[in-house]
Amino acid sequence: MSVRGRILAVAASAAGVAVAGTAVGVARRRHIIAQRGDGDTTPFGGLRSKPITVVADDGVPLHVEVDECRRSQLTIVFVHGYALNLDCWHFQRAGYRGLVRTVYYDQRSHGRSGRSTEGRASIEQLAADLLQVLDDVVPDGPVVLVGHSMGGMAIIALAEARPELFGDRVVGVGLISTTAGGLRPHRTLVPLFPTGLGSALALRAVATLARGHRAVDGVRRIGQAVASVVTDAFAFGDEVPASYVEFVDQMLSATPFEVIAEFFPHFTSLDKFETVEALGAVPVSIICGTADKLTAIGHSRKLQSRIPGAALLECEGAGHMVLLERHEQVNAALDQLFAAAGEQVKRQ
């Protein structure tokens, strides 16, 4: 991390203590600081808990894992992005384990979850899946939702469909490297399957390739060296350890192209900026890297302008996988969010 990045992280951490504002908050913050190195010493994908199966409304089994914490009043639900899986929250899981109750799950057709039924691979369906996870795993108590990329879109879609949940059941929201619309979809395709196609041809190209998805997956495996270079260029802003690139590339490569093709058209039609105001009922933290090539920083700035009271952390030079690349800054911002959400619960 750069000197500036370290300074920002320390400043954000100090602000998190100030928000907590109590001896308990300071004590909790010291525990968080003590756990900062845990993610570096644990292999990627090595953080596990007993799996739970949540069945979506169309019968798709969702793989869920819960890190319990009996003394935690809040439950934090982490929602991952396109072509990733729950392991992408590695540094957040390491940092918060044992300090707060956390829930992680694989989105439909991703990771260990079942494949989506036909025609149900949409952002709106992901919102319904999220609600099912809440109903089954967090039936009681206040919840903070944290989403990265497509996961953030699912949270926004839930706010559109069920705005009454926000301020009541949901007491805080974290939106990381995401948007409510205006995406150029071919840009999301590049790190998954390198192409020089423009957005006008991208939808037709993906649909055509999907018909031969097994062959496409074979080409992706053969071109692994090229894929790693593309992942490094499009997922990250600054230089990161090779293990970070390999980890992200493994998640992307494990996602069948057929799944990529099923979700791809829904990014084009996403248009929910007019409905995000509902999130203003709770503390909202928006986080994005200034070098994000997939959901550019302008999307996060627009979200902040549309959500009353939302805080925005711009991570200088970081890319789309800011949750890995700048995990200390991200966790510091989440500390503030969780503290603010806890204060909101006290006022209720």
Protein backbone atom coordinates (compact mmCIF):
# COMPACT_ATOMS: atom_id res chain seq x y z
CA MET A 1 0.00 0.00 0.00
CA SER A 2 1.26 3.50 -0.81
CA VAL A 3 2.15 6.01 1.94
CA ARG A 4 -0.98 7.97 1.04
CA GLY A 5 -3.07 4.81 1.22
CA ARG A 6 -1.71 3.96 4.67
CA ILE A 7 -2.44 7.47 5.88
CA LEU A 8 -6.00 7.27 4.56
CA ALA A 9 -6.52 3.89 6.16
CA VAL A 10 -5.28 5.13 9.53
CA ALA A 11 -7.46 8.24 9.26
CA ALA A 12 -10.50 6.17 8.40
CA SER A 13 -9.77 3.82 11.28
CA ALA A 14 -9.56 6.73 13.69
CA ALA A 15 -12.88 8.01 12.38
CA GLY A 16 -14.40 4.59 13.01
CA VAL A 17 -13.42 4.85 16.68
CA ALA A 18 -14.87 8.34 16.85
CA VAL A 19 -18.17 7.14 15.41
CA ALA A 20 -18.37 4.31 17.92
CA GLY A 21 -17.82 6.92 20.61
CA THR A 22 -17.69 4.56 23.61
CA ALA A 23 -15.21 2.43 25.51
CA VAL A 24 -16.92 -0.62 24.00
CA GLY A 25 -16.37 0.81 20.53
CA VAL A 26 -12.69 1.39 21.26
CA ALA A 27 -12.28 -2.13 22.62
CA ARG A 28 -13.95 -3.59 19.53
CA ARG A 29 -11.70 -1.52 17.29
CA ARG A 30 -8.61 -2.87 19.09
CA HIS A 31 -9.80 -6.42 18.37
CA ILE A 32 -10.22 -5.52 14.70
CA ILE A 33 -6.71 -4.06 14.55
CA ALA A 34 -5.32 -7.20 16.18
CA GLN A 35 -6.88 -9.35 13.45
CA ARG A 36 -5.62 -7.34 10.49
CA GLY A 37 -2.92 -9.83 9.54
CA ASP A 38 -5.19 -12.88 9.67
CA GLY A 39 -6.15 -12.64 6.00
CA ASP A 40 -2.51 -12.63 4.94
CA THR A 41 -1.70 -15.76 6.92
CA THR A 42 -4.74 -17.78 5.83
CA PRO A 43 -4.76 -19.24 2.28
CA PHE A 44 -7.37 -17.78 -0.05
CA GLY A 45 -10.47 -19.95 0.17
CA GLY A 46 -9.34 -21.37 3.49
CA LEU A 47 -11.99 -19.69 5.65
CA ARG A 48 -14.97 -22.01 5.98
CA SER A 49 -17.93 -22.72 8.23
CA LYS A 50 -20.61 -25.40 8.22
CA PRO A 51 -22.64 -25.03 4.99
CA ILE A 52 -26.34 -24.24 5.07
CA THR A 53 -28.66 -24.70 2.09
CA VAL A 54 -31.26 -22.02 1.45
CA VAL A 55 -33.78 -22.87 -1.27
CA ALA A 56 -34.73 -19.96 -3.54
CA ASP A 57 -38.34 -19.36 -4.59
CA ASP A 58 -37.79 -21.28 -7.82
CA GLY A 59 -36.13 -24.24 -6.12
CA VAL A 60 -32.46 -23.32 -6.72
CA PRO A 61 -30.28 -24.36 -3.74
CA LEU A 62 -28.07 -21.54 -2.44
CA HIS A 63 -24.85 -22.34 -0.57
CA VAL A 64 -24.67 -20.25 2.62
CA GLU A 65 -22.06 -20.05 5.38
CA VAL A 66 -22.50 -18.25 8.71
CA ASP A 67 -19.70 -17.16 11.05
CA GLU A 68 -21.54 -16.98 14.36
CA CYS A 69 -20.85 -14.52 17.17
CA ARG A 70 -23.15 -14.79 20.17
CA ARG A 71 -22.37 -11.33 21.49
CA SER A 72 -23.16 -9.65 18.18
CA GLN A 73 -26.36 -7.63 17.91
CA LEU A 74 -25.91 -6.98 14.19
CA THR A 75 -25.73 -9.54 11.39
CA ILE A 76 -23.71 -8.55 8.32
CA VAL A 77 -24.69 -10.20 5.03
CA PHE A 78 -22.04 -10.08 2.29
CA VAL A 79 -23.21 -10.39 -1.34
CA HIS A 80 -20.54 -11.12 -3.96
CA GLY A 81 -20.22 -9.99 -7.56
CA TYR A 82 -20.43 -11.33 -11.11
CA ALA A 83 -18.45 -14.53 -11.82
CA LEU A 84 -16.98 -14.60 -8.30
CA ASN A 85 -18.04 -16.51 -5.18
CA LEU A 86 -18.25 -15.97 -1.43
CA ASP A 87 -14.49 -16.51 -1.03
CA CYS A 88 -13.88 -13.06 -2.56
CA TRP A 89 -14.67 -11.61 0.90
CA HIS A 90 -11.51 -13.23 2.25
CA PHE A 91 -10.05 -10.20 4.02
CA GLN A 92 -13.40 -9.06 5.36
CA ARG A 93 -14.14 -12.55 6.68
CA ALA A 94 -10.74 -12.76 8.35
CA GLY A 95 -11.14 -9.30 9.85
CA TYR A 96 -14.64 -9.71 11.30
CA ARG A 97 -14.65 -13.37 12.30
CA GLY A 98 -15.56 -13.71 15.97
CA LEU A 99 -16.39 -10.00 16.27
CA VAL A 100 -19.76 -9.83 14.54
CA ARG A 101 -22.20 -12.36 13.09
CA THR A 102 -21.56 -12.57 9.35
CA VAL A 103 -23.32 -14.36 6.51
CA TYR A 104 -21.77 -15.26 3.15
CA TYR A 105 -23.43 -17.04 0.26
CA ASP A 106 -22.80 -17.99 -3.35
CA GLN A 107 -25.17 -16.32 -5.78
CA ARG A 108 -27.24 -18.66 -7.97
CA SER A 109 -25.15 -20.39 -10.66
CA HIS A 110 -21.96 -19.27 -8.90
CA GLY A 111 -19.59 -21.14 -6.62
CA ARG A 112 -21.24 -24.00 -4.75
CA SER A 113 -24.83 -22.89 -5.37
CA GLY A 114 -27.14 -24.60 -7.85
CA ARG A 115 -27.69 -23.48 -11.41
CA SER A 116 -30.43 -20.99 -12.09
CA THR A 117 -33.66 -22.13 -13.67
CA GLU A 118 -34.20 -20.91 -17.23
CA GLY A 119 -34.89 -17.20 -17.56
CA ARG A 120 -34.27 -16.43 -13.87
CA ALA A 121 -30.65 -15.23 -14.06
CA SER A 122 -31.56 -11.59 -13.45
CA ILE A 123 -30.72 -8.83 -10.97
CA GLU A 124 -34.33 -8.88 -9.72
CA GLN A 125 -34.07 -12.62 -9.04
CA LEU A 126 -30.83 -12.05 -7.13
CA ALA A 127 -32.75 -9.56 -4.96
CA ALA A 128 -35.39 -12.23 -4.29
CA ASP A 129 -32.61 -14.71 -3.43
CA LEU A 130 -31.12 -12.21 -0.99
CA LEU A 131 -34.49 -11.80 0.71
CA GLN A 132 -34.80 -15.59 0.97
CA VAL A 133 -31.38 -15.76 2.63
CA LEU A 134 -32.48 -13.08 5.10
CA ASP A 135 -35.74 -14.88 5.86
CA ASP A 136 -34.02 -18.23 6.44
CA VAL A 137 -30.75 -17.24 8.10
CA VAL A 138 -31.49 -13.83 9.67
CA PRO A 139 -35.19 -14.02 10.57
CA ASP A 140 -34.73 -11.69 13.54
CA GLY A 141 -32.52 -8.76 14.47
CA PRO A 142 -30.96 -5.86 12.58
CA VAL A 143 -29.03 -6.52 9.37
CA VAL A 144 -26.37 -4.65 7.41
CA LEU A 145 -26.08 -5.58 3.72
CA VAL A 146 -22.72 -5.28 1.95
CA GLY A 147 -22.55 -5.92 -1.80
CA HIS A 148 -19.74 -5.86 -4.34
CA SER A 149 -20.45 -5.19 -8.03
CA MET A 150 -23.42 -7.40 -9.02
CA GLY A 151 -24.02 -8.00 -5.30
CA GLY A 152 -24.52 -4.27 -4.81
CA MET A 153 -26.98 -4.26 -7.71
CA ALA A 154 -28.94 -7.03 -5.96
CA ILE A 155 -29.17 -4.89 -2.81
CA ILE A 156 -30.37 -1.90 -4.86
CA ALA A 157 -32.97 -4.12 -6.56
CA LEU A 158 -34.15 -5.30 -3.14
CA ALA A 159 -34.53 -1.68 -2.05
CA GLU A 160 -36.63 -1.03 -5.15
CA ALA A 161 -38.85 -4.07 -4.56
CA ARG A 162 -39.10 -3.82 -0.76
CA PRO A 163 -38.23 -0.27 0.38
CA GLU A 164 -40.03 -0.79 3.70
CA LEU A 165 -37.24 -3.14 4.81
CA PHE A 166 -34.71 -0.31 4.88
CA GLY A 167 -34.82 1.53 8.18
CA ASP A 168 -36.66 -1.35 9.82
CA ARG A 169 -35.01 -4.73 9.25
CA VAL A 170 -32.04 -3.43 7.27
CA VAL A 171 -30.12 -0.80 9.25
CA GLY A 172 -27.10 -0.20 7.02
CA VAL A 173 -25.82 -0.74 3.48
CA GLY A 174 -22.35 -0.98 1.97
CA LEU A 175 -22.03 -0.63 -1.82
CA ILE A 176 -18.61 -1.55 -3.20
CA SER A 177 -17.60 -1.01 -6.84
CA THR A 178 -21.16 -1.07 -8.09
CA THR A 179 -23.86 0.94 -9.85
CA ALA A 180 -27.60 1.29 -10.36
CA GLY A 181 -27.39 1.54 -14.15
CA GLY A 182 -25.63 3.08 -17.12
CA LEU A 183 -23.18 0.23 -17.61
CA ARG A 184 -21.40 -0.46 -20.88
CA PRO A 185 -21.76 -4.23 -20.70
CA HIS A 186 -18.87 -5.19 -22.95
CA ARG A 187 -16.50 -3.75 -20.34
CA THR A 188 -17.68 -6.34 -17.79
CA LEU A 189 -16.93 -9.07 -20.32
CA VAL A 190 -13.27 -8.26 -20.93
CA PRO A 191 -11.70 -9.90 -17.84
CA LEU A 192 -13.97 -12.92 -18.21
CA PHE A 193 -13.45 -13.60 -21.89
CA PRO A 194 -11.06 -11.23 -23.71
CA THR A 195 -12.64 -9.62 -26.76
CA GLY A 196 -12.27 -6.51 -28.89
CA LEU A 197 -15.99 -6.25 -29.50
CA GLY A 198 -17.80 -2.99 -28.82
CA SER A 199 -20.97 -2.82 -26.78
CA ALA A 200 -23.23 -2.79 -29.85
CA LEU A 201 -22.08 -6.28 -30.79
CA ALA A 202 -21.42 -7.65 -27.31
CA LEU A 203 -24.91 -8.99 -26.61
CA ARG A 204 -25.13 -10.85 -29.92
CA ALA A 205 -21.59 -12.14 -29.55
CA VAL A 206 -22.21 -13.48 -26.04
CA ALA A 207 -25.46 -15.15 -27.12
CA THR A 208 -23.68 -16.80 -30.05
CA LEU A 209 -20.75 -17.94 -27.92
CA ALA A 210 -23.12 -19.29 -25.26
CA ARG A 211 -24.46 -21.83 -27.74
CA GLY A 212 -20.97 -23.31 -27.85
CA HIS A 213 -20.16 -22.60 -24.20
CA ARG A 214 -18.25 -25.86 -23.64
CA ALA A 215 -15.85 -25.01 -26.45
CA VAL A 216 -15.51 -21.46 -25.12
CA ASP A 217 -14.63 -22.79 -21.67
CA GLY A 218 -11.98 -24.97 -23.30
CA VAL A 219 -10.47 -21.94 -25.04
CA ARG A 220 -10.49 -20.05 -21.74
CA ARG A 221 -8.52 -22.85 -20.07
CA ILE A 222 -6.02 -23.04 -22.90
CA GLY A 223 -5.54 -19.28 -22.80
CA GLN A 224 -5.02 -19.17 -19.04
CA ALA A 225 -1.76 -17.21 -19.23
CA VAL A 226 -3.41 -14.49 -21.29
CA ALA A 227 -6.44 -14.52 -19.00
CA SER A 228 -4.23 -13.88 -15.96
CA VAL A 229 -2.71 -10.84 -17.62
CA VAL A 230 -6.17 -9.52 -18.49
CA THR A 231 -7.42 -10.18 -14.95
CA ASP A 232 -4.49 -8.22 -13.52
CA ALA A 233 -5.16 -5.31 -15.85
CA PHE A 234 -8.92 -5.10 -15.38
CA ALA A 235 -9.49 -6.27 -11.80
CA PHE A 236 -6.77 -4.23 -10.13
CA GLY A 237 -5.44 -0.69 -10.37
CA ASP A 238 -2.03 -0.87 -8.70
CA GLU A 239 0.44 -3.71 -8.57
CA VAL A 240 -0.78 -6.44 -6.23
CA PRO A 241 0.78 -9.74 -5.15
CA ALA A 242 0.57 -12.49 -7.77
CA SER A 243 -1.52 -14.54 -5.35
CA TYR A 244 -4.30 -11.93 -5.56
CA VAL A 245 -4.39 -12.17 -9.34
CA GLU A 246 -4.33 -15.96 -9.27
CA PHE A 247 -7.13 -16.04 -6.70
CA VAL A 248 -9.44 -13.80 -8.74
CA ASP A 249 -8.55 -15.62 -11.94
CA GLN A 250 -9.45 -18.96 -10.34
CA MET A 251 -12.89 -17.66 -9.38
CA LEU A 252 -13.49 -16.21 -12.84
CA SER A 253 -12.27 -19.36 -14.58
CA ALA A 254 -14.49 -21.56 -12.41
CA THR A 255 -17.60 -19.72 -13.61
CA PRO A 256 -18.89 -21.45 -16.77
CA PHE A 257 -19.28 -19.20 -19.78
CA GLU A 258 -22.91 -20.29 -20.01
CA VAL A 259 -23.50 -18.60 -16.63
CA ILE A 260 -21.68 -15.48 -17.74
CA ALA A 261 -23.89 -15.36 -20.83
CA GLU A 262 -27.11 -15.81 -18.84
CA PHE A 263 -26.51 -12.80 -16.59
CA PHE A 264 -24.78 -10.59 -19.17
CA PRO A 265 -27.86 -9.04 -20.89
CA HIS A 266 -29.28 -7.81 -17.57
CA PHE A 267 -26.42 -5.37 -17.06
CA THR A 268 -27.52 -3.50 -20.18
CA SER A 269 -31.08 -3.00 -18.97
CA LEU A 270 -30.20 -2.10 -15.38
CA ASP A 271 -31.72 1.31 -14.61
CA LYS A 272 -32.48 1.90 -10.93
CA PHE A 273 -30.92 5.28 -10.12
CA GLU A 274 -34.40 6.74 -9.66
CA THR A 275 -35.14 4.28 -6.85
CA VAL A 276 -31.93 4.35 -4.78
CA GLU A 277 -33.23 7.19 -2.61
CA ALA A 278 -34.94 4.52 -0.48
CA LEU A 279 -31.50 3.56 0.83
CA GLY A 280 -31.24 6.98 2.48
CA ALA A 281 -33.31 5.67 5.39
CA VAL A 282 -30.16 3.96 6.74
CA PRO A 283 -26.41 4.69 6.93
CA VAL A 284 -24.86 3.98 3.53
CA SER A 285 -21.16 3.61 2.74
CA ILE A 286 -20.11 3.66 -0.91
CA ILE A 287 -16.59 2.45 -1.76
CA CYS A 288 -14.84 2.42 -5.12
CA GLY A 289 -11.36 2.58 -6.61
CA THR A 290 -10.57 5.57 -8.79
CA ALA A 291 -9.00 3.21 -11.37
CA ASP A 292 -12.01 0.85 -11.59
CA LYS A 293 -12.32 -0.10 -15.26
CA LEU A 294 -15.62 -1.98 -14.89
CA THR A 295 -17.84 0.16 -12.66
CA ALA A 296 -16.01 3.46 -12.93
CA ILE A 297 -15.82 5.87 -10.00
CA GLY A 298 -18.45 8.06 -11.69
CA HIS A 299 -21.08 5.43 -10.88
CA SER A 300 -20.25 5.63 -7.17
CA ARG A 301 -20.29 9.42 -7.23
CA LYS A 302 -23.70 9.33 -8.87
CA LEU A 303 -24.97 6.89 -6.25
CA GLN A 304 -23.76 9.21 -3.49
CA SER A 305 -25.54 12.16 -5.10
CA ARG A 306 -28.82 10.20 -5.21
CA ILE A 307 -28.71 8.63 -1.72
CA PRO A 308 -29.27 11.16 1.09
CA GLY A 309 -26.46 11.15 3.64
CA ALA A 310 -24.37 8.49 1.88
CA ALA A 311 -20.61 8.48 2.56
CA LEU A 312 -18.17 7.87 -0.30
CA LEU A 313 -14.66 6.46 0.03
CA GLU A 314 -12.58 6.84 -3.12
CA CYS A 315 -9.56 4.54 -2.99
CA GLU A 316 -6.93 6.28 -5.09
CA GLY A 317 -5.50 4.09 -7.83
CA ALA A 318 -7.45 0.95 -6.88
CA GLY A 319 -9.40 -1.18 -9.35
CA HIS A 320 -12.62 -3.17 -9.35
CA MET A 321 -11.38 -5.70 -6.76
CA VAL A 322 -10.82 -2.94 -4.21
CA LEU A 323 -12.08 -5.27 -1.48
CA LEU A 324 -8.84 -7.23 -1.95
CA GLU A 325 -6.51 -4.54 -3.24
CA ARG A 326 -7.30 -2.01 -0.48
CA HIS A 327 -8.77 -4.33 2.10
CA GLU A 328 -7.54 -2.29 5.07
CA GLN A 329 -9.21 0.87 3.77
CA VAL A 330 -12.36 -1.06 2.88
CA ASN A 331 -12.56 -2.68 6.32
CA ALA A 332 -11.98 0.67 8.01
CA ALA A 333 -14.90 2.16 6.07
CA LEU A 334 -17.04 -0.85 6.96
CA ASP A 335 -16.10 -0.35 10.63
CA GLN A 336 -17.62 3.12 10.42
CA LEU A 337 -20.71 1.77 8.68
CA PHE A 338 -21.28 -0.94 11.28
CA ALA A 339 -20.81 1.55 14.12
CA ALA A 340 -23.29 3.96 12.53
CA ALA A 341 -25.76 1.12 11.99
CA GLY A 342 -25.38 0.12 15.63
CA GLU A 343 -26.16 3.67 16.70
CA GLN A 344 -29.27 3.63 14.50
CA VAL A 345 -30.44 0.45 16.23
CA LYS A 346 -30.04 2.12 19.63
CA ARG A 347 -32.25 4.99 18.49
CA GLN A 348 -35.02 2.69 17.28
